[in-house]
């Protein structure tokens, strides 16, 4: 059986030998982890405080840049371990976030994952994380806000949201990195909480 050729008569290997990867801009890809836990019927989410720019001092989901030789789930698990020491999660893809202005470093698309904190896991800040905490989640549907209360740090965060065409719409939240309030709202909508 002969190898297929394109209109120029090229085999795949011939096409790839001439292909110019620099012809198109290449955005960077990151992964973010929304790690949830339930304790006495109360839902909480793992967040880290960023040690460095961008969004220095803001709370964010553990995550980072995908390496060229790993798939998305492996990258999500690796970043979660590097920033919090947590292992053994089963990441389920929530969605991709790619607004052109979502990150001041450049064109960066993130793929967000939802998982459950393994029984007995104790997250600890490491790598890019200055701090790590589980934030108890309280959704006030009437006020359209999600209130977060740090279980260790005692920090309080308020994440506003609104709906447009059935989707929770991003509203920047003080002390929450970039579009992570949007990602949280989407995760809670997926779970039927808001």
C-alpha atoms as a PDB file:
ATOM      1  CA  UNK A   1       0.000   0.000   0.000  1.00  0.00           C
ATOM      2  CA  UNK A   2       1.489   3.344  -1.043  1.00  0.00           C
ATOM      3  CA  UNK A   3       1.802   6.295   1.295  1.00  0.00           C
ATOM      4  CA  UNK A   4      -0.802   9.037   0.666  1.00  0.00           C
ATOM      5  CA  UNK A   5       0.413  12.271  -0.952  1.00  0.00           C
ATOM      6  CA  UNK A   6      -1.006  15.789  -0.993  1.00  0.00           C
ATOM      7  CA  UNK A   7      -1.743  17.927  -4.077  1.00  0.00           C
ATOM      8  CA  UNK A   8       1.972  18.763  -4.358  1.00  0.00           C
ATOM      9  CA  UNK A   9       2.807  15.053  -4.446  1.00  0.00           C
ATOM     10  CA  UNK A  10       4.399  15.168  -0.972  1.00  0.00           C
ATOM     11  CA  UNK A  11       4.342  12.354   1.528  1.00  0.00           C
ATOM     12  CA  UNK A  12       3.841  13.304   5.164  1.00  0.00           C
ATOM     13  CA  UNK A  13       7.591  13.221   5.856  1.00  0.00           C
ATOM     14  CA  UNK A  14       8.296  15.441   2.808  1.00  0.00           C
ATOM     15  CA  UNK A  15       5.562  17.873   3.863  1.00  0.00           C
ATOM     16  CA  UNK A  16       6.949  18.065   7.409  1.00  0.00           C
ATOM     17  CA  UNK A  17      10.503  18.642   6.122  1.00  0.00           C
ATOM     18  CA  UNK A  18       9.273  21.829   4.403  1.00  0.00           C
ATOM     19  CA  UNK A  19       6.778  22.910   7.056  1.00  0.00           C
ATOM     20  CA  UNK A  20       7.594  26.251   8.733  1.00  0.00           C
ATOM     21  CA  UNK A  21       6.466  26.216  12.392  1.00  0.00           C
ATOM     22  CA  UNK A  22       7.296  29.927  12.685  1.00  0.00           C
ATOM     23  CA  UNK A  23       4.664  30.824  10.079  1.00  0.00           C
ATOM     24  CA  UNK A  24       1.985  30.993  12.789  1.00  0.00           C
ATOM     25  CA  UNK A  25       2.123  32.541  16.248  1.00  0.00           C
ATOM     26  CA  UNK A  26       2.110  29.925  18.970  1.00  0.00           C
ATOM     27  CA  UNK A  27       0.357  30.704  22.228  1.00  0.00           C
ATOM     28  CA  UNK A  28       1.577  29.159  25.451  1.00  0.00           C
ATOM     29  CA  UNK A  29      -0.596  26.615  27.240  1.00  0.00           C
ATOM     30  CA  UNK A  30      -1.099  26.367  30.986  1.00  0.00           C
ATOM     31  CA  UNK A  31      -3.176  24.091  33.197  1.00  0.00           C
ATOM     32  CA  UNK A  32      -5.106  25.056  36.335  1.00  0.00           C
ATOM     33  CA  UNK A  33      -6.535  22.821  39.076  1.00  0.00           C
ATOM     34  CA  UNK A  34      -9.826  23.398  40.867  1.00  0.00           C
ATOM     35  CA  UNK A  35      -9.427  20.907  43.719  1.00  0.00           C
ATOM     36  CA  UNK A  36     -12.544  20.488  45.837  1.00  0.00           C
ATOM     37  CA  UNK A  37     -13.118  18.853  49.215  1.00  0.00           C
ATOM     38  CA  UNK A  38     -16.241  18.233  51.243  1.00  0.00           C
ATOM     39  CA  UNK A  39     -16.189  18.248  55.027  1.00  0.00           C
ATOM     40  CA  UNK A  40     -19.392  17.901  57.069  1.00  0.00           C
ATOM     41  CA  UNK A  41     -21.457  18.804  54.003  1.00  0.00           C
ATOM     42  CA  UNK A  42     -19.477  21.971  53.357  1.00  0.00           C
ATOM     43  CA  UNK A  43     -17.597  22.395  50.073  1.00  0.00           C
ATOM     44  CA  UNK A  44     -14.142  23.979  49.950  1.00  0.00           C
ATOM     45  CA  UNK A  45     -11.631  24.722  47.185  1.00  0.00           C
ATOM     46  CA  UNK A  46      -7.826  24.678  47.234  1.00  0.00           C
ATOM     47  CA  UNK A  47      -6.119  27.948  46.311  1.00  0.00           C
ATOM     48  CA  UNK A  48      -2.536  29.170  46.422  1.00  0.00           C
ATOM     49  CA  UNK A  49      -1.267  32.702  46.983  1.00  0.00           C
ATOM     50  CA  UNK A  50       1.034  33.710  44.132  1.00  0.00           C
ATOM     51  CA  UNK A  51       4.638  34.376  45.114  1.00  0.00           C
ATOM     52  CA  UNK A  52       5.612  36.195  41.914  1.00  0.00           C
ATOM     53  CA  UNK A  53       4.313  38.247  39.003  1.00  0.00           C
ATOM     54  CA  UNK A  54       1.848  38.300  37.410  1.00  0.00           C
ATOM     55  CA  UNK A  55      -0.878  38.603  40.043  1.00  0.00           C
ATOM     56  CA  UNK A  56       1.664  38.591  42.873  1.00  0.00           C
ATOM     57  CA  UNK A  57      -0.080  38.239  46.244  1.00  0.00           C
ATOM     58  CA  UNK A  58      -3.372  37.154  44.666  1.00  0.00           C
ATOM     59  CA  UNK A  59      -5.090  33.849  45.288  1.00  0.00           C
ATOM     60  CA  UNK A  60      -5.151  31.478  42.320  1.00  0.00           C
ATOM     61  CA  UNK A  61      -5.677  27.854  41.450  1.00  0.00           C
ATOM     62  CA  UNK A  62      -2.545  25.694  41.466  1.00  0.00           C
ATOM     63  CA  UNK A  63      -1.248  25.462  37.925  1.00  0.00           C
ATOM     64  CA  UNK A  64       1.399  26.426  35.441  1.00  0.00           C
ATOM     65  CA  UNK A  65       2.899  25.905  32.016  1.00  0.00           C
ATOM     66  CA  UNK A  66       2.473  22.635  30.168  1.00  0.00           C
ATOM     67  CA  UNK A  67       5.716  20.911  29.221  1.00  0.00           C
ATOM     68  CA  UNK A  68       6.169  19.896  25.580  1.00  0.00           C
ATOM     69  CA  UNK A  69       6.290  16.159  26.326  1.00  0.00           C
ATOM     70  CA  UNK A  70       3.257  15.795  28.614  1.00  0.00           C
ATOM     71  CA  UNK A  71      -0.459  15.559  28.063  1.00  0.00           C
ATOM     72  CA  UNK A  72      -2.859  17.955  29.751  1.00  0.00           C
ATOM     73  CA  UNK A  73      -3.840  15.696  32.657  1.00  0.00           C
ATOM     74  CA  UNK A  74      -0.182  14.881  33.415  1.00  0.00           C
ATOM     75  CA  UNK A  75       0.638  18.598  33.396  1.00  0.00           C
ATOM     76  CA  UNK A  76      -2.252  19.375  35.740  1.00  0.00           C
ATOM     77  CA  UNK A  77      -1.177  16.650  38.179  1.00  0.00           C
ATOM     78  CA  UNK A  78       2.495  17.718  38.013  1.00  0.00           C
ATOM     79  CA  UNK A  79       1.698  21.391  38.666  1.00  0.00           C
ATOM     80  CA  UNK A  80      -0.622  20.499  41.549  1.00  0.00           C
ATOM     81  CA  UNK A  81       2.146  18.428  43.135  1.00  0.00           C
ATOM     82  CA  UNK A  82       4.842  21.082  42.556  1.00  0.00           C
ATOM     83  CA  UNK A  83       2.776  23.878  44.127  1.00  0.00           C
ATOM     84  CA  UNK A  84       0.971  22.018  46.930  1.00  0.00           C
ATOM     85  CA  UNK A  85       2.447  18.529  47.364  1.00  0.00           C
ATOM     86  CA  UNK A  86      -0.958  16.975  46.594  1.00  0.00           C
ATOM     87  CA  UNK A  87      -0.935  13.732  44.590  1.00  0.00           C
ATOM     88  CA  UNK A  88      -3.486  11.121  43.588  1.00  0.00           C
ATOM     89  CA  UNK A  89      -6.121  13.371  42.018  1.00  0.00           C
ATOM     90  CA  UNK A  90      -8.127  12.395  38.961  1.00  0.00           C
ATOM     91  CA  UNK A  91      -8.402  15.617  36.929  1.00  0.00           C
ATOM     92  CA  UNK A  92     -11.559  16.078  34.841  1.00  0.00           C
ATOM     93  CA  UNK A  93     -11.425  18.791  32.201  1.00  0.00           C
ATOM     94  CA  UNK A  94     -13.699  21.762  32.944  1.00  0.00           C
ATOM     95  CA  UNK A  95     -12.858  23.914  29.942  1.00  0.00           C
ATOM     96  CA  UNK A  96     -10.349  26.086  28.133  1.00  0.00           C
ATOM     97  CA  UNK A  97      -9.926  29.806  28.798  1.00  0.00           C
ATOM     98  CA  UNK A  98      -8.316  31.900  26.124  1.00  0.00           C
ATOM     99  CA  UNK A  99      -9.299  35.559  26.194  1.00  0.00           C
ATOM    100  CA  UNK A 100      -6.399  37.321  24.444  1.00  0.00           C
ATOM    101  CA  UNK A 101      -5.878  39.628  27.464  1.00  0.00           C
ATOM    102  CA  UNK A 102      -6.200  36.986  30.203  1.00  0.00           C
ATOM    103  CA  UNK A 103      -2.489  37.090  31.086  1.00  0.00           C
ATOM    104  CA  UNK A 104      -0.198  40.151  30.899  1.00  0.00           C
ATOM    105  CA  UNK A 105       2.785  37.957  29.885  1.00  0.00           C
ATOM    106  CA  UNK A 106       1.294  37.273  26.473  1.00  0.00           C
ATOM    107  CA  UNK A 107      -1.069  34.957  24.645  1.00  0.00           C
ATOM    108  CA  UNK A 108      -1.620  32.188  27.170  1.00  0.00           C
ATOM    109  CA  UNK A 109      -4.467  29.693  26.996  1.00  0.00           C
ATOM    110  CA  UNK A 110      -5.274  27.645  30.081  1.00  0.00           C
ATOM    111  CA  UNK A 111      -7.097  24.359  30.380  1.00  0.00           C
ATOM    112  CA  UNK A 112      -8.855  24.044  33.736  1.00  0.00           C
ATOM    113  CA  UNK A 113      -9.449  20.771  35.555  1.00  0.00           C
ATOM    114  CA  UNK A 114     -11.731  19.863  38.451  1.00  0.00           C
ATOM    115  CA  UNK A 115     -10.775  17.130  40.910  1.00  0.00           C
ATOM    116  CA  UNK A 116     -11.452  15.967  44.442  1.00  0.00           C
ATOM    117  CA  UNK A 117      -8.850  16.350  47.195  1.00  0.00           C
ATOM    118  CA  UNK A 118      -7.757  12.845  48.218  1.00  0.00           C
ATOM    119  CA  UNK A 119      -8.686  11.751  51.741  1.00  0.00           C
ATOM    120  CA  UNK A 120      -5.996  12.777  54.220  1.00  0.00           C
ATOM    121  CA  UNK A 121      -4.149  15.095  51.801  1.00  0.00           C
ATOM    122  CA  UNK A 122      -2.728  18.212  53.444  1.00  0.00           C
ATOM    123  CA  UNK A 123      -1.788  20.872  50.865  1.00  0.00           C
ATOM    124  CA  UNK A 124       1.406  22.828  51.603  1.00  0.00           C
ATOM    125  CA  UNK A 125       2.707  25.811  49.638  1.00  0.00           C
ATOM    126  CA  UNK A 126       5.776  25.142  47.468  1.00  0.00           C
ATOM    127  CA  UNK A 127       7.391  26.340  44.212  1.00  0.00           C
ATOM    128  CA  UNK A 128       5.485  29.427  42.930  1.00  0.00           C
ATOM    129  CA  UNK A 129       3.045  29.343  45.856  1.00  0.00           C
ATOM    130  CA  UNK A 130       3.641  31.652  48.815  1.00  0.00           C
ATOM    131  CA  UNK A 131       0.744  30.099  50.724  1.00  0.00           C
ATOM    132  CA  UNK A 132      -1.888  27.399  50.256  1.00  0.00           C
ATOM    133  CA  UNK A 133      -5.304  27.153  51.857  1.00  0.00           C
ATOM    134  CA  UNK A 134      -8.645  25.437  51.538  1.00  0.00           C
ATOM    135  CA  UNK A 135     -11.374  28.049  51.140  1.00  0.00           C
ATOM    136  CA  UNK A 136     -14.870  27.204  52.347  1.00  0.00           C
ATOM    137  CA  UNK A 137     -17.389  28.066  49.620  1.00  0.00           C
ATOM    138  CA  UNK A 138     -20.646  29.878  50.307  1.00  0.00           C
ATOM    139  CA  UNK A 139     -22.730  30.682  47.231  1.00  0.00           C
ATOM    140  CA  UNK A 140     -25.185  33.542  47.745  1.00  0.00           C
ATOM    141  CA  UNK A 141     -27.415  33.059  44.713  1.00  0.00           C
ATOM    142  CA  UNK A 142     -29.602  36.117  45.440  1.00  0.00           C
ATOM    143  CA  UNK A 143     -26.606  38.475  45.674  1.00  0.00           C
ATOM    144  CA  UNK A 144     -24.792  36.616  42.869  1.00  0.00           C
ATOM    145  CA  UNK A 145     -21.574  36.308  44.814  1.00  0.00           C
ATOM    146  CA  UNK A 146     -19.426  33.430  45.954  1.00  0.00           C
ATOM    147  CA  UNK A 147     -17.873  33.996  49.358  1.00  0.00           C
ATOM    148  CA  UNK A 148     -14.652  32.191  50.160  1.00  0.00           C
ATOM    149  CA  UNK A 149     -13.224  31.838  53.664  1.00  0.00           C
ATOM    150  CA  UNK A 150      -9.687  30.553  54.164  1.00  0.00           C
ATOM    151  CA  UNK A 151      -9.680  27.721  56.677  1.00  0.00           C
ATOM    152  CA  UNK A 152      -6.063  28.348  57.779  1.00  0.00           C
ATOM    153  CA  UNK A 153      -5.285  31.932  56.755  1.00  0.00           C
ATOM    154  CA  UNK A 154      -8.711  33.321  57.656  1.00  0.00           C
ATOM    155  CA  UNK A 155      -8.623  35.399  54.469  1.00  0.00           C
ATOM    156  CA  UNK A 156     -11.987  36.297  52.986  1.00  0.00           C
ATOM    157  CA  UNK A 157     -12.609  36.647  49.258  1.00  0.00           C
ATOM    158  CA  UNK A 158     -15.752  37.711  47.409  1.00  0.00           C
ATOM    159  CA  UNK A 159     -16.231  36.539  43.842  1.00  0.00           C
ATOM    160  CA  UNK A 160     -19.077  38.292  41.977  1.00  0.00           C
ATOM    161  CA  UNK A 161     -20.746  36.648  38.999  1.00  0.00           C
ATOM    162  CA  UNK A 162     -23.664  37.170  36.657  1.00  0.00           C
ATOM    163  CA  UNK A 163     -25.276  35.047  34.010  1.00  0.00           C
ATOM    164  CA  UNK A 164     -25.419  35.752  30.305  1.00  0.00           C
ATOM    165  CA  UNK A 165     -27.015  33.181  27.987  1.00  0.00           C
ATOM    166  CA  UNK A 166     -26.939  30.599  30.796  1.00  0.00           C
ATOM    167  CA  UNK A 167     -23.194  30.977  31.399  1.00  0.00           C
ATOM    168  CA  UNK A 168     -21.620  32.547  34.470  1.00  0.00           C
ATOM    169  CA  UNK A 169     -19.859  35.679  33.218  1.00  0.00           C
ATOM    170  CA  UNK A 170     -16.434  36.824  34.406  1.00  0.00           C
ATOM    171  CA  UNK A 171     -16.340  39.764  36.785  1.00  0.00           C
ATOM    172  CA  UNK A 172     -12.884  40.542  38.201  1.00  0.00           C
ATOM    173  CA  UNK A 173     -12.587  39.857  41.928  1.00  0.00           C
ATOM    174  CA  UNK A 174     -10.214  41.624  44.287  1.00  0.00           C
ATOM    175  CA  UNK A 175      -7.287  39.427  45.387  1.00  0.00           C
ATOM    176  CA  UNK A 176      -8.206  36.656  42.909  1.00  0.00           C
ATOM    177  CA  UNK A 177      -5.784  36.185  40.002  1.00  0.00           C
ATOM    178  CA  UNK A 178      -6.923  37.084  36.487  1.00  0.00           C
ATOM    179  CA  UNK A 179      -9.884  35.061  35.282  1.00  0.00           C
ATOM    180  CA  UNK A 180      -9.785  32.531  38.111  1.00  0.00           C
ATOM    181  CA  UNK A 181     -13.071  33.924  39.425  1.00  0.00           C
ATOM    182  CA  UNK A 182     -14.593  32.978  36.043  1.00  0.00           C
ATOM    183  CA  UNK A 183     -13.088  29.504  36.282  1.00  0.00           C
ATOM    184  CA  UNK A 184     -14.475  29.056  39.817  1.00  0.00           C
ATOM    185  CA  UNK A 185     -17.942  30.240  38.763  1.00  0.00           C
ATOM    186  CA  UNK A 186     -17.907  27.808  35.824  1.00  0.00           C
ATOM    187  CA  UNK A 187     -16.872  24.908  38.086  1.00  0.00           C
ATOM    188  CA  UNK A 188     -19.634  25.689  40.580  1.00  0.00           C
ATOM    189  CA  UNK A 189     -22.175  26.043  37.762  1.00  0.00           C
ATOM    190  CA  UNK A 190     -21.091  22.657  36.380  1.00  0.00           C
ATOM    191  CA  UNK A 191     -21.653  21.153  39.851  1.00  0.00           C
ATOM    192  CA  UNK A 192     -25.103  22.789  40.118  1.00  0.00           C
ATOM    193  CA  UNK A 193     -24.108  25.001  43.048  1.00  0.00           C
ATOM    194  CA  UNK A 194     -24.859  28.318  41.333  1.00  0.00           C
END
